[in-house]
Amino acid sequence: MSPRGVNNWTALDVMKFLKDNNFVLSHSRGSHIYYLGKYGKETRQVCVPFHGKASIKPRTLKSIIQQSGIPKEKWINRK
């Protein structure tokens, strides 16, 4: 199932989106994967919880979007 809005995103969807936006894998700790990247002029770290194929809760995805600095519209309208 493909992501729609802030629903039905899996960790793999989020990781692919971050990689497509020039974020790189920094490290992992337990079930959390950390990415580093620049958006705008700031270097940002994003923490992605990885729990298999389970969907990320909308509130958690909202936090990931804020951490990345990438506008929500770009996440929703991704191509």
N, C-alpha and C. Protein backbone atom coordinates (compact mmCIF):
# COMPACT_ATOMS: atom_id res chain seq x y z
N MET A 1 0.85 -1.18 0.00
CA MET A 1 0.00 0.00 0.00
C MET A 1 0.89 1.24 0.00
N SER A 2 0.60 2.18 -0.83
CA SER A 2 1.42 3.39 -0.91
C SER A 2 0.92 4.42 0.10
N PRO A 3 1.82 5.29 0.55
CA PRO A 3 1.44 6.29 1.55
C PRO A 3 0.42 7.29 1.01
N ARG A 4 -0.50 7.69 1.88
CA ARG A 4 -1.45 8.74 1.54
C ARG A 4 -1.46 9.74 2.67
N GLY A 5 -1.12 10.98 2.38
CA GLY A 5 -1.08 12.00 3.42
C GLY A 5 -0.09 11.60 4.50
N VAL A 6 -0.53 11.64 5.75
CA VAL A 6 0.33 11.22 6.85
C VAL A 6 -0.11 9.86 7.38
N ASN A 7 -0.85 9.11 6.58
CA ASN A 7 -1.29 7.78 6.97
C ASN A 7 -0.61 6.72 6.12
N ASN A 8 -0.45 5.54 6.67
CA ASN A 8 0.08 4.37 5.97
C ASN A 8 1.53 4.47 5.53
N TRP A 9 2.33 5.29 6.16
CA TRP A 9 3.76 5.33 5.88
C TRP A 9 4.43 4.25 6.72
N THR A 10 5.29 3.47 6.13
CA THR A 10 6.11 2.52 6.88
C THR A 10 7.49 3.14 7.06
N ALA A 11 8.30 2.52 7.90
CA ALA A 11 9.67 3.00 8.09
C ALA A 11 10.43 2.97 6.76
N LEU A 12 10.19 1.95 5.95
CA LEU A 12 10.88 1.85 4.66
C LEU A 12 10.49 3.00 3.73
N ASP A 13 9.21 3.40 3.75
CA ASP A 13 8.77 4.55 2.94
C ASP A 13 9.48 5.82 3.39
N VAL A 14 9.56 6.02 4.71
CA VAL A 14 10.20 7.21 5.26
C VAL A 14 11.69 7.22 4.91
N MET A 15 12.35 6.08 5.07
CA MET A 15 13.78 6.02 4.78
C MET A 15 14.07 6.30 3.32
N LYS A 16 13.23 5.78 2.41
CA LYS A 16 13.40 6.05 0.98
C LYS A 16 13.21 7.53 0.69
N PHE A 17 12.18 8.14 1.29
CA PHE A 17 11.92 9.56 1.09
C PHE A 17 13.10 10.40 1.57
N LEU A 18 13.63 10.06 2.75
CA LEU A 18 14.78 10.81 3.27
C LEU A 18 16.00 10.67 2.36
N LYS A 19 16.26 9.45 1.89
CA LYS A 19 17.39 9.23 0.98
C LYS A 19 17.21 10.02 -0.31
N ASP A 20 15.97 10.07 -0.82
CA ASP A 20 15.69 10.83 -2.04
C ASP A 20 15.90 12.33 -1.83
N ASN A 21 15.89 12.77 -0.58
CA ASN A 21 16.09 14.18 -0.25
C ASN A 21 17.46 14.42 0.38
N ASN A 22 18.42 13.57 0.00
CA ASN A 22 19.84 13.72 0.36
C ASN A 22 20.17 13.54 1.84
N PHE A 23 19.37 12.79 2.56
CA PHE A 23 19.72 12.42 3.92
C PHE A 23 20.48 11.10 3.84
N VAL A 24 21.46 10.93 4.71
CA VAL A 24 22.27 9.72 4.70
C VAL A 24 22.18 9.02 6.06
N LEU A 25 22.31 7.70 6.03
CA LEU A 25 22.27 6.91 7.24
C LEU A 25 23.44 7.30 8.14
N SER A 26 23.14 7.65 9.37
CA SER A 26 24.16 8.03 10.33
C SER A 26 24.52 6.83 11.20
N HIS A 27 23.52 6.31 11.91
CA HIS A 27 23.73 5.16 12.76
C HIS A 27 22.39 4.59 13.18
N SER A 28 22.43 3.45 13.84
CA SER A 28 21.20 2.89 14.39
C SER A 28 21.45 2.50 15.83
N ARG A 29 20.38 2.49 16.58
CA ARG A 29 20.46 2.10 17.98
C ARG A 29 19.18 1.36 18.32
N GLY A 30 19.29 0.07 18.50
CA GLY A 30 18.09 -0.73 18.75
C GLY A 30 17.20 -0.71 17.51
N SER A 31 15.94 -0.36 17.70
CA SER A 31 15.00 -0.34 16.58
C SER A 31 14.84 1.05 15.98
N HIS A 32 15.77 1.96 16.27
CA HIS A 32 15.70 3.32 15.73
C HIS A 32 16.88 3.57 14.80
N ILE A 33 16.57 4.16 13.65
CA ILE A 33 17.58 4.44 12.64
C ILE A 33 17.69 5.95 12.49
N TYR A 34 18.91 6.46 12.51
CA TYR A 34 19.15 7.90 12.47
C TYR A 34 19.74 8.32 11.13
N TYR A 35 19.18 9.38 10.57
CA TYR A 35 19.66 9.94 9.31
C TYR A 35 20.12 11.37 9.54
N LEU A 36 21.16 11.76 8.80
CA LEU A 36 21.64 13.14 8.82
C LEU A 36 21.48 13.73 7.43
N GLY A 37 21.14 15.00 7.41
CA GLY A 37 21.01 15.67 6.13
C GLY A 37 20.84 17.16 6.33
N LYS A 38 20.90 17.87 5.22
CA LYS A 38 20.69 19.32 5.26
C LYS A 38 19.41 19.63 4.52
N TYR A 39 18.62 20.47 5.13
CA TYR A 39 17.48 21.04 4.43
C TYR A 39 17.49 22.50 4.78
N GLY A 40 17.52 23.34 3.76
CA GLY A 40 17.75 24.75 4.01
C GLY A 40 19.22 24.90 4.33
N LYS A 41 19.53 25.61 5.38
CA LYS A 41 20.93 25.81 5.76
C LYS A 41 21.32 25.01 7.00
N GLU A 42 20.37 24.29 7.57
CA GLU A 42 20.63 23.58 8.81
C GLU A 42 20.90 22.10 8.58
N THR A 43 21.85 21.56 9.33
CA THR A 43 22.06 20.12 9.35
C THR A 43 21.06 19.54 10.34
N ARG A 44 20.39 18.49 9.93
CA ARG A 44 19.34 17.92 10.77
C ARG A 44 19.55 16.43 10.98
N GLN A 45 19.12 15.96 12.13
CA GLN A 45 19.13 14.53 12.42
C GLN A 45 17.69 14.08 12.56
N VAL A 46 17.37 12.98 11.90
CA VAL A 46 16.01 12.44 11.93
C VAL A 46 16.06 11.03 12.48
N CYS A 47 15.21 10.74 13.44
CA CYS A 47 15.12 9.41 14.05
C CYS A 47 13.89 8.70 13.49
N VAL A 48 14.11 7.52 12.89
CA VAL A 48 13.02 6.74 12.31
C VAL A 48 12.88 5.43 13.08
N PRO A 49 11.72 5.20 13.73
CA PRO A 49 11.52 3.93 14.42
C PRO A 49 11.25 2.84 13.38
N PHE A 50 11.94 1.72 13.49
CA PHE A 50 11.77 0.64 12.53
C PHE A 50 11.15 -0.56 13.23
N HIS A 51 9.91 -0.87 12.85
CA HIS A 51 9.19 -2.01 13.42
C HIS A 51 8.59 -2.84 12.30
N GLY A 52 9.45 -3.31 11.41
CA GLY A 52 9.01 -4.15 10.30
C GLY A 52 8.12 -3.41 9.34
N LYS A 53 7.05 -4.06 8.93
CA LYS A 53 6.14 -3.48 7.93
C LYS A 53 4.99 -2.71 8.55
N ALA A 54 5.04 -2.50 9.85
CA ALA A 54 3.97 -1.77 10.54
C ALA A 54 3.98 -0.30 10.12
N SER A 55 2.79 0.27 10.00
CA SER A 55 2.67 1.69 9.67
C SER A 55 3.13 2.54 10.85
N ILE A 56 3.74 3.67 10.52
CA ILE A 56 4.14 4.63 11.54
C ILE A 56 2.91 5.44 11.92
N LYS A 57 2.71 5.65 13.20
CA LYS A 57 1.55 6.41 13.67
C LYS A 57 1.65 7.84 13.16
N PRO A 58 0.51 8.45 12.80
CA PRO A 58 0.52 9.82 12.26
C PRO A 58 1.24 10.83 13.16
N ARG A 59 1.10 10.70 14.46
CA ARG A 59 1.75 11.64 15.38
C ARG A 59 3.27 11.48 15.33
N THR A 60 3.74 10.24 15.19
CA THR A 60 5.17 9.98 15.07
C THR A 60 5.70 10.53 13.76
N LEU A 61 4.93 10.33 12.68
CA LEU A 61 5.35 10.85 11.38
C LEU A 61 5.41 12.38 11.41
N LYS A 62 4.49 13.00 12.11
CA LYS A 62 4.51 14.46 12.25
C LYS A 62 5.82 14.91 12.89
N SER A 63 6.28 14.17 13.89
CA SER A 63 7.54 14.48 14.55
C SER A 63 8.72 14.29 13.60
N ILE A 64 8.68 13.24 12.79
CA ILE A 64 9.73 12.99 11.80
C ILE A 64 9.79 14.13 10.79
N ILE A 65 8.63 14.59 10.35
CA ILE A 65 8.55 15.70 9.39
C ILE A 65 9.17 16.96 10.00
N GLN A 66 8.86 17.24 11.27
CA GLN A 66 9.43 18.41 11.93
C GLN A 66 10.94 18.28 12.07
N GLN A 67 11.43 17.09 12.41
CA GLN A 67 12.86 16.88 12.56
C GLN A 67 13.59 17.13 11.25
N SER A 68 12.97 16.70 10.14
CA SER A 68 13.63 16.80 8.83
C SER A 68 13.68 18.24 8.31
N GLY A 69 12.69 19.06 8.69
CA GLY A 69 12.62 20.42 8.17
C GLY A 69 12.03 20.49 6.77
N ILE A 70 11.73 19.35 6.17
CA ILE A 70 11.13 19.31 4.84
C ILE A 70 9.64 19.65 5.00
N PRO A 71 9.13 20.59 4.21
CA PRO A 71 7.72 20.98 4.36
C PRO A 71 6.77 19.79 4.22
N LYS A 72 5.72 19.81 5.02
CA LYS A 72 4.73 18.73 5.04
C LYS A 72 4.14 18.50 3.65
N GLU A 73 3.96 19.58 2.89
CA GLU A 73 3.38 19.46 1.55
C GLU A 73 4.25 18.58 0.65
N LYS A 74 5.56 18.69 0.81
CA LYS A 74 6.46 17.88 0.00
C LYS A 74 6.35 16.41 0.38
N TRP A 75 6.12 16.12 1.66
CA TRP A 75 5.93 14.74 2.10
C TRP A 75 4.62 14.19 1.51
N ILE A 76 3.57 14.99 1.58
CA ILE A 76 2.25 14.52 1.11
C ILE A 76 2.21 14.38 -0.40
N ASN A 77 2.83 15.31 -1.12
CA ASN A 77 2.77 15.31 -2.58
C ASN A 77 3.98 14.67 -3.24
N ARG A 78 4.66 13.78 -2.51
CA ARG A 78 5.89 13.20 -3.06
C ARG A 78 5.61 12.46 -4.36
N LYS A 79 6.60 12.49 -5.23
CA LYS A 79 6.45 11.84 -6.54
C LYS A 79 7.37 10.65 -6.59
